[in-house]
Protein backbone atom coordinates (compact mmCIF):
# COMPACT_ATOMS: atom_id res chain seq x y z
CA MET A 1 0.00 0.00 0.00
CA GLU A 2 1.38 3.39 -0.99
CA THR A 3 1.22 5.99 1.76
CA LYS A 4 0.48 9.63 0.96
CA ILE A 5 2.64 12.26 2.61
CA ILE A 6 0.88 15.46 3.69
CA PRO A 7 2.27 18.44 5.64
CA TYR A 8 0.41 18.69 8.95
CA LEU A 9 -0.08 22.46 8.71
CA ASN A 10 -1.03 22.35 5.03
CA GLY A 11 -4.00 19.97 4.93
CA GLY A 12 -3.04 17.28 7.43
CA ARG A 13 -4.53 18.94 10.49
CA ASN A 14 -7.95 19.13 8.79
CA LEU A 15 -7.87 15.35 8.23
CA CYS A 16 -7.35 14.73 11.97
CA ILE A 17 -10.93 14.13 13.06
CA THR A 18 -12.40 12.29 16.03
CA GLY A 19 -12.08 8.55 15.52
CA CYS A 20 -8.81 8.67 13.60
CA ALA A 21 -5.56 7.68 15.27
CA ILE A 22 -1.98 8.82 15.22
CA LEU A 23 0.53 6.00 14.72
CA VAL A 24 4.22 6.65 15.21
CA ARG A 25 7.64 5.20 14.54
CA GLY A 26 10.08 6.63 17.03
CA ASN A 27 13.84 6.92 17.07
CA ASP A 28 14.30 6.39 20.83
CA LEU A 29 15.33 3.09 22.42
CA LEU A 30 11.86 2.14 23.75
CA SER A 31 10.24 2.82 20.35
CA LYS A 32 12.84 0.70 18.57
CA ALA A 33 12.28 -2.13 21.07
CA ILE A 34 8.50 -2.06 20.48
CA GLU A 35 9.06 -1.90 16.73
CA CYS A 36 10.84 -5.27 16.92
CA PHE A 37 7.35 -6.83 17.11
CA SER A 38 5.15 -4.05 15.69
CA VAL A 39 5.51 -1.76 12.65
CA PHE A 40 4.54 1.24 14.82
CA SER A 41 5.58 1.93 18.39
CA HIS A 42 2.60 4.00 19.59
CA CYS A 43 -1.05 4.67 18.82
CA ALA A 44 -3.04 7.71 19.99
CA PRO A 45 -6.76 8.15 19.26
CA ILE A 46 -7.84 11.61 18.11
CA VAL A 47 -10.72 13.20 20.00
CA ARG A 48 -11.49 16.66 18.59
CA MET A 49 -13.02 19.04 21.10
CA ASP A 50 -13.15 22.24 19.04
CA GLU A 51 -16.44 23.39 20.54
CA TYR A 52 -15.09 22.88 24.07
CA LEU A 53 -11.64 24.41 23.58
CA GLY A 54 -12.99 27.28 21.50
CA THR A 55 -10.32 26.86 18.85
CA PRO A 56 -10.92 24.92 15.62
CA ASP A 57 -7.23 24.28 15.02
CA ARG A 58 -6.39 22.24 18.15
CA VAL A 59 -6.16 18.48 17.71
CA THR A 60 -6.44 16.55 20.97
CA LEU A 61 -5.27 13.02 21.59
CA ILE A 62 -6.19 10.59 24.35
CA GLU A 63 -3.02 8.62 24.86
CA ALA A 64 -2.35 5.58 27.01
CA LEU A 65 0.91 6.60 28.67
CA GLU A 66 2.79 5.23 31.67
CA HIS A 67 0.40 6.86 34.18
CA GLY A 68 -2.79 5.88 32.32
CA LEU A 69 -5.04 7.60 29.78
CA THR A 70 -3.93 11.20 29.26
CA LEU A 71 -5.26 14.13 27.24
CA THR A 72 -2.55 15.78 25.09
CA LEU A 73 -2.38 18.26 22.22
CA LEU A 74 -0.98 16.83 18.99
CA SER A 75 0.97 20.00 18.20
CA GLU A 76 2.69 19.99 21.60
CA ARG A 77 3.33 16.23 21.59
CA PHE A 78 4.99 16.08 18.16
CA GLN A 79 6.71 19.45 17.84
CA GLY A 80 10.37 18.49 17.50
CA TYR A 81 9.51 14.77 17.56
CA SER A 82 12.28 12.50 16.35
CA GLY A 83 10.46 9.91 14.27
CA GLN A 84 7.62 9.51 11.81
CA VAL A 85 3.98 10.43 12.45
CA PHE A 86 1.12 8.73 10.58
CA LEU A 87 -2.63 9.32 10.51
CA PHE A 88 -4.97 6.34 10.33
CA ILE A 89 -8.47 7.18 9.06
CA PRO A 90 -10.82 4.23 9.58
CA VAL A 91 -13.73 3.59 7.24
CA GLY A 92 -17.14 4.46 8.70
CA LEU A 93 -16.53 7.65 10.68
CA LYS A 94 -19.97 9.23 10.48
CA PRO A 95 -20.77 12.18 12.79
CA GLU A 96 -22.90 10.04 15.13
CA ILE A 97 -20.09 7.46 15.40
CA GLN A 98 -17.59 10.24 16.15
CA ALA A 99 -19.84 11.64 18.91
CA LYS A 100 -20.14 8.19 20.53
CA LEU A 101 -16.39 7.59 20.28
CA ARG A 102 -15.60 11.01 21.80
CA SER A 103 -17.95 10.29 24.68
CA GLU A 104 -16.59 6.77 25.26
CA MET A 105 -12.95 7.92 25.22
CA LEU A 106 -13.65 10.85 27.58
CA VAL A 107 -15.42 8.52 30.03
CA GLN A 108 -12.41 6.18 29.97
CA LEU A 109 -10.14 9.18 30.59
CA ALA A 110 -12.30 10.47 33.47
CA GLN A 111 -12.39 7.02 35.07
CA GLY A 112 -8.61 7.09 35.31
CA THR A 113 -8.07 3.93 33.26
CA PRO A 114 -4.56 2.74 34.17
CA TYR A 115 -1.83 1.62 31.78
CA ASP A 116 -1.61 -2.12 31.10
CA TYR A 117 2.09 -2.86 31.59
CA LYS A 118 1.53 -6.62 31.82
CA ALA A 119 -0.13 -6.76 28.39
CA LEU A 120 2.47 -4.45 26.85
CA PHE A 121 5.28 -6.83 27.77
CA ALA A 122 3.21 -9.96 27.00
CA ASN A 123 2.65 -8.61 23.47
CA ALA A 124 6.33 -9.15 22.76
CA LEU A 125 5.60 -12.89 22.96
CA GLY A 126 2.23 -12.80 21.19
CA HIS A 127 -1.10 -10.98 21.28
CA THR A 128 -2.88 -10.70 24.61
CA LYS A 129 -6.60 -10.66 25.35
CA GLU A 130 -8.34 -7.26 25.51
CA ASN A 131 -8.81 -5.82 28.98
CA ALA A 132 -11.02 -2.74 29.37
CA ALA A 133 -9.91 -2.22 33.00
CA GLN A 134 -6.26 -1.54 32.04
CA GLN A 135 -5.19 -0.49 28.56
CA PHE A 136 -2.10 0.11 26.49
CA CYS A 137 -2.21 2.53 23.55
CA SER A 138 -3.55 0.49 20.63
CA GLU A 139 -5.76 -1.58 22.92
CA ALA A 140 -7.54 1.62 24.03
CA TYR A 141 -8.11 2.59 20.39
CA GLY A 142 -9.31 -0.88 19.36
CA LEU A 143 -11.77 -1.07 22.25
CA ALA A 144 -13.08 2.42 21.41
CA LEU A 145 -13.58 1.58 17.71
CA GLU A 146 -15.39 -1.65 18.48
CA GLY A 147 -17.40 0.05 21.23
CA VAL A 148 -18.94 2.38 18.62
CA GLY A 149 -19.53 -0.32 16.01
CA ILE A 150 -16.43 -0.10 13.81
CA GLN A 151 -15.45 -3.76 13.69
CA ARG A 152 -12.11 -5.19 12.74
CA LYS A 153 -11.79 -7.33 9.64
CA PRO A 154 -13.29 -10.80 10.19
CA GLU A 155 -9.98 -12.62 9.77
CA PHE A 156 -8.62 -11.04 12.98
CA GLN A 157 -9.73 -12.55 16.30
CA SER A 158 -12.12 -10.15 18.02
CA ASP A 159 -10.91 -10.54 21.63
CA LEU A 160 -7.20 -9.91 21.01
CA ALA A 161 -5.63 -6.56 21.86
CA PRO A 162 -4.08 -5.00 18.75
CA ARG A 163 -0.46 -3.89 18.74
CA PRO A 164 0.12 -0.39 17.31
CA GLY A 165 1.20 -1.95 14.01
CA ASP A 166 -2.03 -3.97 13.78
CA VAL A 167 -4.33 -0.94 13.64
CA ALA A 168 -3.90 -0.15 9.94
CA THR A 169 -4.16 -3.87 9.10
CA TRP A 170 -7.00 -5.07 11.34
CA TRP A 171 -9.38 -2.23 10.38
CA ASP A 172 -10.22 -0.89 6.93
CA GLY A 173 -8.96 2.62 6.38
CA GLU A 174 -6.36 4.95 4.95
CA LEU A 175 -2.84 5.61 6.24
CA ILE A 176 -1.21 9.01 5.63
CA GLU A 177 2.20 10.20 6.78
CA LEU A 178 2.03 13.63 8.40
CA VAL A 179 5.16 15.75 8.29
CA GLY A 180 5.95 18.70 10.53
CA PRO A 181 6.17 21.28 11.65
CA PHE A 182 3.22 20.54 13.92
CA MET A 183 2.94 24.01 15.39
CA THR A 184 2.90 27.46 13.83
CA GLY A 185 5.48 30.05 14.79
């Protein structure tokens, strides 16, 4: 599959809508270790909150990081990032699906869903079962997609937690490389 390359500030930001995900390939040691068993090292669902933040140009992510689900701004997270940033746009993102996904992800965030270290390390040996009580990055995204009715392809077992590299394979969609800068000025 050929991947389009789009500058983030010249068209890419407008493609970053609720329900999409950011997938990354990092240059740090942890990213390289994860990439030994996954094409991407991290996955971050996009949850746009333009009407709440009052600015239509802010792209928010809900990331599963070491202290649990965390709200971050894409521009802040990837400004100066050493690695590649990709946008995954799944098929089926209708406005009502996006609203449900936003709500589901914000509830998970508010509940303080912790990071699933056990599953992260177990994934090096093979896929683990999904666990909604504790989540790693791509698991959080997979559970959110399926929770709003966007199902993975039938050839992929439905109760397994996806690795970051599985996202663009297990679900139908488009993958675009976003290039910086990610912040104006």
